[in-house]
Structures are given as C-alpha cells and as structure tokens.
Amino acid sequence: MSRAPLILASRSPRRRELLSLFGLPFSVRDADVDESPLKGESPEEMTGRLARLKSESVASLAPDSWVLGGDTTVAVNGEALGKPADRAQAIAMLERLSGGRHDVISAVALVGPGFAGVEVSHTLVDFMELTPDMIAAYCDTREPYDKAGGYGIQGPAGTFVREIHGSYSGVVGLPLYETRMLLQRAGLV
C-alpha cells in the first residue's frame, strides 16, 4: 500500500462524499483547467480528457502524491450540454431532457508515482415529461446552475427520473466502481 497522500482534484462536495466511502484519507485541491470542448471531440473524449487534465494539473503541484480527478457530462444525441450559465439556458436544457433519454458520461482519472489511468462510465437516464411549471419551480431552487445538463439526480430533480441504466454514482459525479478499479490497480485499496 502506497503512503503517498491522496488528493481529490475537485471542489465538488458530491465527489468528496463519494470518495470518502473508500475510507482513505485525502485532501482536496481545486484543479484550474479550461473545460472548453475541442473541435471534433466527442462528449466521451472530452470527459475523459478533462478528468485526466484535472488530475495532471494538481499532480504538477504535488508530484509525490496520488491525484484523483473527475468530470461529468450530460449528452443528448451526441451533444454535450455543459452547465447552464443562466435561467434561460437551464430551461432550454431541461426542455431538451424532458420526456427522453440522455447519456451521463462520468470519467475518473488517477495519476501518481509511476501510474496514470482513466476510466469512463456511461449511464442512460430517462426523464419524465416536464411541464413548464415543473421546470420553472426547479430553476427557482438555484440547483441547476452548477451541474452538467442543468440537474442533479441526488436533489429534487431526482423526482424527474423514470429510470436509469448504469451507475447512479456516475450520474452524481464519481463512478464508484470505476474509481475502485483505478485505486486497486494503483495499490491504494
């Protein structure tokens, strides 16, 4: 078992809660990376790249540490939705998700002494039909504005979900199975 410290490269309280389930001590350091998509990049490629960049960014400041980074993308018909900047964007995103199925792509990356790995999780999420009043009430909670696709499954928007096929924790922001696989390969669990 490695004694190098573990750092979570994320300011997300949801990722902190999920990582704590492994019982490993860790600290938190925000990764400062440009999250803009690259031309021609698929949502899956973007999500994996951003998870890796976040880990590498923090690892460059703490080279003897293990650094875990993550990224989550909501995609509809192969298009990444991002995080809404304002109410109008949140409404537009929720209208696109209403009554349909979308893909939540969650990537986790681990870098450390002599190790680098990325794992990607896909979860299909089916939303019920949302009325304009439901969308407006949800936007009033202020919850949509810091979340990929404009919603968080662990909050009130969880009531919009008819069904999921895949990883619930991946939709929240840190796919636990994929995280365990990386931590095990690195000898951390």
C-alpha atoms as a PDB file:
ATOM      1  CA  MET A   1       0.000   0.000   0.000  1.00  0.00           C
ATOM      2  CA  SER A   2       1.434   3.365  -1.058  1.00  0.00           C
ATOM      3  CA  ARG A   3       1.985   6.002   1.613  1.00  0.00           C
ATOM      4  CA  ALA A   4       1.887   8.949  -0.791  1.00  0.00           C
ATOM      5  CA  PRO A   5      -1.008  11.295   0.046  1.00  0.00           C
ATOM      6  CA  LEU A   6      -4.230  11.185  -1.963  1.00  0.00           C
ATOM      7  CA  ILE A   7      -5.640  14.452  -3.315  1.00  0.00           C
ATOM      8  CA  LEU A   8      -9.067  14.916  -4.843  1.00  0.00           C
ATOM      9  CA  ALA A   9      -8.771  17.423  -7.685  1.00  0.00           C
ATOM     10  CA  SER A  10     -12.313  18.746  -7.386  1.00  0.00           C
ATOM     11  CA  ARG A  11     -14.324  21.290  -5.453  1.00  0.00           C
ATOM     12  CA  SER A  12     -17.481  19.186  -5.795  1.00  0.00           C
ATOM     13  CA  PRO A  13     -18.977  18.265  -2.415  1.00  0.00           C
ATOM     14  CA  ARG A  14     -20.649  15.302  -4.101  1.00  0.00           C
ATOM     15  CA  ARG A  15     -17.300  13.883  -5.262  1.00  0.00           C
ATOM     16  CA  ARG A  16     -15.889  14.404  -1.755  1.00  0.00           C
ATOM     17  CA  GLU A  17     -18.781  12.455  -0.215  1.00  0.00           C
ATOM     18  CA  LEU A  18     -18.448   9.615  -2.707  1.00  0.00           C
ATOM     19  CA  LEU A  19     -14.650   9.340  -2.385  1.00  0.00           C
ATOM     20  CA  SER A  20     -14.981   9.232   1.413  1.00  0.00           C
ATOM     21  CA  LEU A  21     -16.826   5.893   1.030  1.00  0.00           C
ATOM     22  CA  PHE A  22     -13.454   4.234   0.381  1.00  0.00           C
ATOM     23  CA  GLY A  23     -12.237   5.119   3.874  1.00  0.00           C
ATOM     24  CA  LEU A  24      -8.999   6.625   2.571  1.00  0.00           C
ATOM     25  CA  PRO A  25      -7.628   9.876   3.967  1.00  0.00           C
ATOM     26  CA  PHE A  26      -7.496  12.559   1.298  1.00  0.00           C
ATOM     27  CA  SER A  27      -7.230  16.291   0.890  1.00  0.00           C
ATOM     28  CA  VAL A  28      -8.955  18.489  -1.655  1.00  0.00           C
ATOM     29  CA  ARG A  29      -7.369  20.834  -4.145  1.00  0.00           C
ATOM     30  CA  ASP A  30      -9.255  22.503  -6.967  1.00  0.00           C
ATOM     31  CA  ALA A  31      -7.955  21.972 -10.472  1.00  0.00           C
ATOM     32  CA  ASP A  32      -7.805  25.023 -12.683  1.00  0.00           C
ATOM     33  CA  VAL A  33      -8.281  23.796 -16.255  1.00  0.00           C
ATOM     34  CA  ASP A  34     -10.023  25.129 -19.331  1.00  0.00           C
ATOM     35  CA  GLU A  35     -13.127  22.958 -19.737  1.00  0.00           C
ATOM     36  CA  SER A  36     -13.902  24.069 -23.287  1.00  0.00           C
ATOM     37  CA  PRO A  37     -14.533  21.232 -25.733  1.00  0.00           C
ATOM     38  CA  LEU A  38     -12.044  20.719 -28.525  1.00  0.00           C
ATOM     39  CA  LYS A  39     -13.202  20.859 -32.134  1.00  0.00           C
ATOM     40  CA  GLY A  40     -14.496  17.482 -33.268  1.00  0.00           C
ATOM     41  CA  GLU A  41     -14.200  15.963 -29.801  1.00  0.00           C
ATOM     42  CA  SER A  42     -16.969  13.581 -28.710  1.00  0.00           C
ATOM     43  CA  PRO A  43     -18.577  14.018 -25.270  1.00  0.00           C
ATOM     44  CA  GLU A  44     -16.818  10.844 -24.072  1.00  0.00           C
ATOM     45  CA  GLU A  45     -13.414  12.012 -25.321  1.00  0.00           C
ATOM     46  CA  MET A  46     -13.940  15.430 -23.711  1.00  0.00           C
ATOM     47  CA  THR A  47     -14.995  13.943 -20.370  1.00  0.00           C
ATOM     48  CA  GLY A  48     -12.004  11.600 -20.185  1.00  0.00           C
ATOM     49  CA  ARG A  49      -9.608  14.348 -21.272  1.00  0.00           C
ATOM     50  CA  LEU A  50     -10.919  16.784 -18.657  1.00  0.00           C
ATOM     51  CA  ALA A  51     -10.706  14.218 -15.837  1.00  0.00           C
ATOM     52  CA  ARG A  52      -7.108  13.496 -16.846  1.00  0.00           C
ATOM     53  CA  LEU A  53      -6.212  17.201 -17.165  1.00  0.00           C
ATOM     54  CA  LYS A  54      -7.631  17.961 -13.708  1.00  0.00           C
ATOM     55  CA  SER A  55      -5.540  15.174 -12.181  1.00  0.00           C
ATOM     56  CA  GLU A  56      -2.404  16.190 -14.049  1.00  0.00           C
ATOM     57  CA  SER A  57      -2.888  19.865 -13.177  1.00  0.00           C
ATOM     58  CA  VAL A  58      -2.951  19.177  -9.448  1.00  0.00           C
ATOM     59  CA  ALA A  59      -0.251  16.472  -9.695  1.00  0.00           C
ATOM     60  CA  SER A  60       2.109  19.034 -11.253  1.00  0.00           C
ATOM     61  CA  LEU A  61       1.848  20.978  -7.972  1.00  0.00           C
ATOM     62  CA  ALA A  62       2.197  17.873  -5.772  1.00  0.00           C
ATOM     63  CA  PRO A  63       4.334  15.412  -7.771  1.00  0.00           C
ATOM     64  CA  ASP A  64       4.758  12.841  -4.965  1.00  0.00           C
ATOM     65  CA  SER A  65       1.021  12.483  -4.427  1.00  0.00           C
ATOM     66  CA  TRP A  66      -1.798  10.442  -5.863  1.00  0.00           C
ATOM     67  CA  VAL A  67      -4.321  12.718  -7.528  1.00  0.00           C
ATOM     68  CA  LEU A  68      -7.859  11.712  -8.433  1.00  0.00           C
ATOM     69  CA  GLY A  69      -9.841  13.898 -10.809  1.00  0.00           C
ATOM     70  CA  GLY A  70     -13.275  13.558 -12.315  1.00  0.00           C
ATOM     71  CA  ASP A  71     -15.563  15.066 -14.878  1.00  0.00           C
ATOM     72  CA  THR A  72     -19.214  14.513 -15.757  1.00  0.00           C
ATOM     73  CA  THR A  73     -21.016  15.365 -18.980  1.00  0.00           C
ATOM     74  CA  VAL A  74     -24.680  15.126 -19.927  1.00  0.00           C
ATOM     75  CA  ALA A  75     -25.086  14.385 -23.622  1.00  0.00           C
ATOM     76  CA  VAL A  76     -28.179  14.355 -25.826  1.00  0.00           C
ATOM     77  CA  ASN A  77     -27.829  12.856 -29.300  1.00  0.00           C
ATOM     78  CA  GLY A  78     -24.047  13.081 -29.057  1.00  0.00           C
ATOM     79  CA  GLU A  79     -24.026  16.745 -27.968  1.00  0.00           C
ATOM     80  CA  ALA A  80     -22.581  17.763 -24.584  1.00  0.00           C
ATOM     81  CA  LEU A  81     -24.878  20.158 -22.730  1.00  0.00           C
ATOM     82  CA  GLY A  82     -22.420  21.665 -20.233  1.00  0.00           C
ATOM     83  CA  LYS A  83     -23.522  23.718 -17.227  1.00  0.00           C
ATOM     84  CA  PRO A  84     -26.170  26.380 -17.727  1.00  0.00           C
ATOM     85  CA  ALA A  85     -24.907  29.929 -17.274  1.00  0.00           C
ATOM     86  CA  ASP A  86     -28.339  31.383 -16.532  1.00  0.00           C
ATOM     87  CA  ARG A  87     -32.032  30.602 -16.145  1.00  0.00           C
ATOM     88  CA  ALA A  88     -32.724  30.666 -19.884  1.00  0.00           C
ATOM     89  CA  GLN A  89     -30.017  28.077 -20.548  1.00  0.00           C
ATOM     90  CA  ALA A  90     -31.229  25.903 -17.648  1.00  0.00           C
ATOM     91  CA  ILE A  91     -34.776  25.971 -19.009  1.00  0.00           C
ATOM     92  CA  ALA A  92     -33.567  25.106 -22.516  1.00  0.00           C
ATOM     93  CA  MET A  93     -31.521  22.165 -21.209  1.00  0.00           C
ATOM     94  CA  LEU A  94     -34.342  20.786 -19.086  1.00  0.00           C
ATOM     95  CA  GLU A  95     -36.733  21.112 -22.039  1.00  0.00           C
ATOM     96  CA  ARG A  96     -34.286  19.023 -24.120  1.00  0.00           C
ATOM     97  CA  LEU A  97     -34.109  16.365 -21.400  1.00  0.00           C
ATOM     98  CA  SER A  98     -37.886  16.289 -20.834  1.00  0.00           C
ATOM     99  CA  GLY A  99     -39.581  13.060 -21.835  1.00  0.00           C
ATOM    100  CA  GLY A 100     -36.457  11.499 -23.295  1.00  0.00           C
ATOM    101  CA  ARG A 101     -33.291   9.554 -22.643  1.00  0.00           C
ATOM    102  CA  HIS A 102     -29.845  11.072 -22.282  1.00  0.00           C
ATOM    103  CA  ASP A 103     -26.352   9.797 -21.595  1.00  0.00           C
ATOM    104  CA  VAL A 104     -24.428  10.795 -18.485  1.00  0.00           C
ATOM    105  CA  ILE A 105     -20.729  10.263 -19.039  1.00  0.00           C
ATOM    106  CA  SER A 106     -18.571  10.321 -15.944  1.00  0.00           C
ATOM    107  CA  ALA A 107     -14.809   9.891 -16.092  1.00  0.00           C
ATOM    108  CA  VAL A 108     -12.346   9.420 -13.274  1.00  0.00           C
ATOM    109  CA  ALA A 109      -8.577   9.736 -13.628  1.00  0.00           C
ATOM    110  CA  LEU A 110      -5.831   8.798 -11.200  1.00  0.00           C
ATOM    111  CA  VAL A 111      -2.209   9.863 -11.528  1.00  0.00           C
ATOM    112  CA  GLY A 112       0.598   9.148  -9.106  1.00  0.00           C
ATOM    113  CA  PRO A 113       4.106   7.794  -8.793  1.00  0.00           C
ATOM    114  CA  GLY A 114       4.611   5.741 -11.951  1.00  0.00           C
ATOM    115  CA  PHE A 115       0.883   5.434 -12.620  1.00  0.00           C
ATOM    116  CA  ALA A 116      -1.761   7.076 -14.787  1.00  0.00           C
ATOM    117  CA  GLY A 117      -5.186   5.738 -15.611  1.00  0.00           C
ATOM    118  CA  VAL A 118      -8.620   6.876 -16.781  1.00  0.00           C
ATOM    119  CA  GLU A 119     -11.939   5.029 -16.541  1.00  0.00           C
ATOM    120  CA  VAL A 120     -15.216   6.159 -18.121  1.00  0.00           C
ATOM    121  CA  SER A 121     -18.771   5.308 -17.095  1.00  0.00           C
ATOM    122  CA  HIS A 122     -21.912   5.690 -19.223  1.00  0.00           C
ATOM    123  CA  THR A 123     -25.375   5.834 -17.677  1.00  0.00           C
ATOM    124  CA  LEU A 124     -28.601   6.219 -19.621  1.00  0.00           C
ATOM    125  CA  VAL A 125     -31.163   8.353 -17.800  1.00  0.00           C
ATOM    126  CA  ASP A 126     -34.844   8.524 -18.757  1.00  0.00           C
ATOM    127  CA  PHE A 127     -36.683  11.714 -17.778  1.00  0.00           C
ATOM    128  CA  MET A 128     -40.440  12.099 -17.446  1.00  0.00           C
ATOM    129  CA  GLU A 129     -42.262  14.797 -19.409  1.00  0.00           C
ATOM    130  CA  LEU A 130     -41.626  18.087 -17.605  1.00  0.00           C
ATOM    131  CA  THR A 131     -44.204  20.848 -17.657  1.00  0.00           C
ATOM    132  CA  PRO A 132     -43.115  24.476 -17.895  1.00  0.00           C
ATOM    133  CA  ASP A 133     -44.247  24.913 -14.264  1.00  0.00           C
ATOM    134  CA  MET A 134     -42.093  21.978 -13.118  1.00  0.00           C
ATOM    135  CA  ILE A 135     -39.069  23.399 -14.916  1.00  0.00           C
ATOM    136  CA  ALA A 136     -39.660  26.892 -13.508  1.00  0.00           C
ATOM    137  CA  ALA A 137     -40.051  25.559  -9.959  1.00  0.00           C
ATOM    138  CA  TYR A 138     -36.842  23.543 -10.299  1.00  0.00           C
ATOM    139  CA  CYS A 139     -34.959  26.569 -11.654  1.00  0.00           C
ATOM    140  CA  ASP A 140     -36.215  28.547  -8.637  1.00  0.00           C
ATOM    141  CA  THR A 141     -34.217  26.164  -6.391  1.00  0.00           C
ATOM    142  CA  ARG A 142     -30.982  27.530  -7.948  1.00  0.00           C
ATOM    143  CA  GLU A 143     -29.803  23.908  -8.167  1.00  0.00           C
ATOM    144  CA  PRO A 144     -29.367  23.699 -11.969  1.00  0.00           C
ATOM    145  CA  TYR A 145     -26.613  26.291 -12.300  1.00  0.00           C
ATOM    146  CA  ASP A 146     -23.537  24.340 -11.225  1.00  0.00           C
ATOM    147  CA  LYS A 147     -24.434  20.971 -12.692  1.00  0.00           C
ATOM    148  CA  ALA A 148     -23.821  19.305 -16.030  1.00  0.00           C
ATOM    149  CA  GLY A 149     -27.054  19.234 -18.003  1.00  0.00           C
ATOM    150  CA  GLY A 150     -28.715  21.578 -15.528  1.00  0.00           C
ATOM    151  CA  TYR A 151     -29.713  18.995 -12.923  1.00  0.00           C
ATOM    152  CA  GLY A 152     -28.505  16.890 -10.020  1.00  0.00           C
ATOM    153  CA  ILE A 153     -30.040  13.439  -9.604  1.00  0.00           C
ATOM    154  CA  GLN A 154     -29.369  13.499  -5.852  1.00  0.00           C
ATOM    155  CA  GLY A 155     -31.633  16.543  -5.354  1.00  0.00           C
ATOM    156  CA  PRO A 156     -35.180  17.494  -6.330  1.00  0.00           C
ATOM    157  CA  ALA A 157     -34.522  16.633  -9.996  1.00  0.00           C
ATOM    158  CA  GLY A 158     -34.232  13.002  -8.927  1.00  0.00           C
ATOM    159  CA  THR A 159     -38.035  13.033  -8.945  1.00  0.00           C
ATOM    160  CA  PHE A 160     -37.931  13.610 -12.722  1.00  0.00           C
ATOM    161  CA  VAL A 161     -36.055  10.352 -13.362  1.00  0.00           C
ATOM    162  CA  ARG A 162     -38.157   7.437 -14.603  1.00  0.00           C
ATOM    163  CA  GLU A 163     -35.282   5.011 -14.921  1.00  0.00           C
ATOM    164  CA  ILE A 164     -31.514   4.739 -15.068  1.00  0.00           C
ATOM    165  CA  HIS A 165     -29.382   2.127 -16.784  1.00  0.00           C
ATOM    166  CA  GLY A 166     -25.883   2.233 -15.362  1.00  0.00           C
ATOM    167  CA  SER A 167     -24.122   3.873 -12.452  1.00  0.00           C
ATOM    168  CA  TYR A 168     -26.114   6.081 -10.081  1.00  0.00           C
ATOM    169  CA  SER A 169     -22.857   7.328  -8.506  1.00  0.00           C
ATOM    170  CA  GLY A 170     -21.598   8.173 -12.001  1.00  0.00           C
ATOM    171  CA  VAL A 171     -24.613  10.440 -12.509  1.00  0.00           C
ATOM    172  CA  VAL A 172     -23.878  12.076  -9.141  1.00  0.00           C
ATOM    173  CA  GLY A 173     -20.311  12.737 -10.310  1.00  0.00           C
ATOM    174  CA  LEU A 174     -17.893   9.956  -9.303  1.00  0.00           C
ATOM    175  CA  PRO A 175     -18.495   6.431 -10.633  1.00  0.00           C
ATOM    176  CA  LEU A 176     -17.620   4.257  -7.646  1.00  0.00           C
ATOM    177  CA  TYR A 177     -16.896   1.021  -9.497  1.00  0.00           C
ATOM    178  CA  GLU A 178     -14.504   2.707 -11.937  1.00  0.00           C
ATOM    179  CA  THR A 179     -12.887   4.612  -9.052  1.00  0.00           C
ATOM    180  CA  ARG A 180     -12.352   1.365  -7.153  1.00  0.00           C
ATOM    181  CA  MET A 181     -10.758  -0.222 -10.232  1.00  0.00           C
ATOM    182  CA  LEU A 182      -8.239   2.621 -10.506  1.00  0.00           C
ATOM    183  CA  LEU A 183      -7.493   2.680  -6.766  1.00  0.00           C
ATOM    184  CA  GLN A 184      -6.977  -1.100  -6.758  1.00  0.00           C
ATOM    185  CA  ARG A 185      -4.673  -1.032  -9.797  1.00  0.00           C
ATOM    186  CA  ALA A 186      -2.613   1.644  -8.038  1.00  0.00           C
ATOM    187  CA  GLY A 187      -2.490  -0.413  -4.808  1.00  0.00           C
ATOM    188  CA  LEU A 188      -4.359   2.188  -2.785  1.00  0.00           C
ATOM    189  CA  VAL A 189      -7.209  -0.149  -1.738  1.00  0.00           C
END
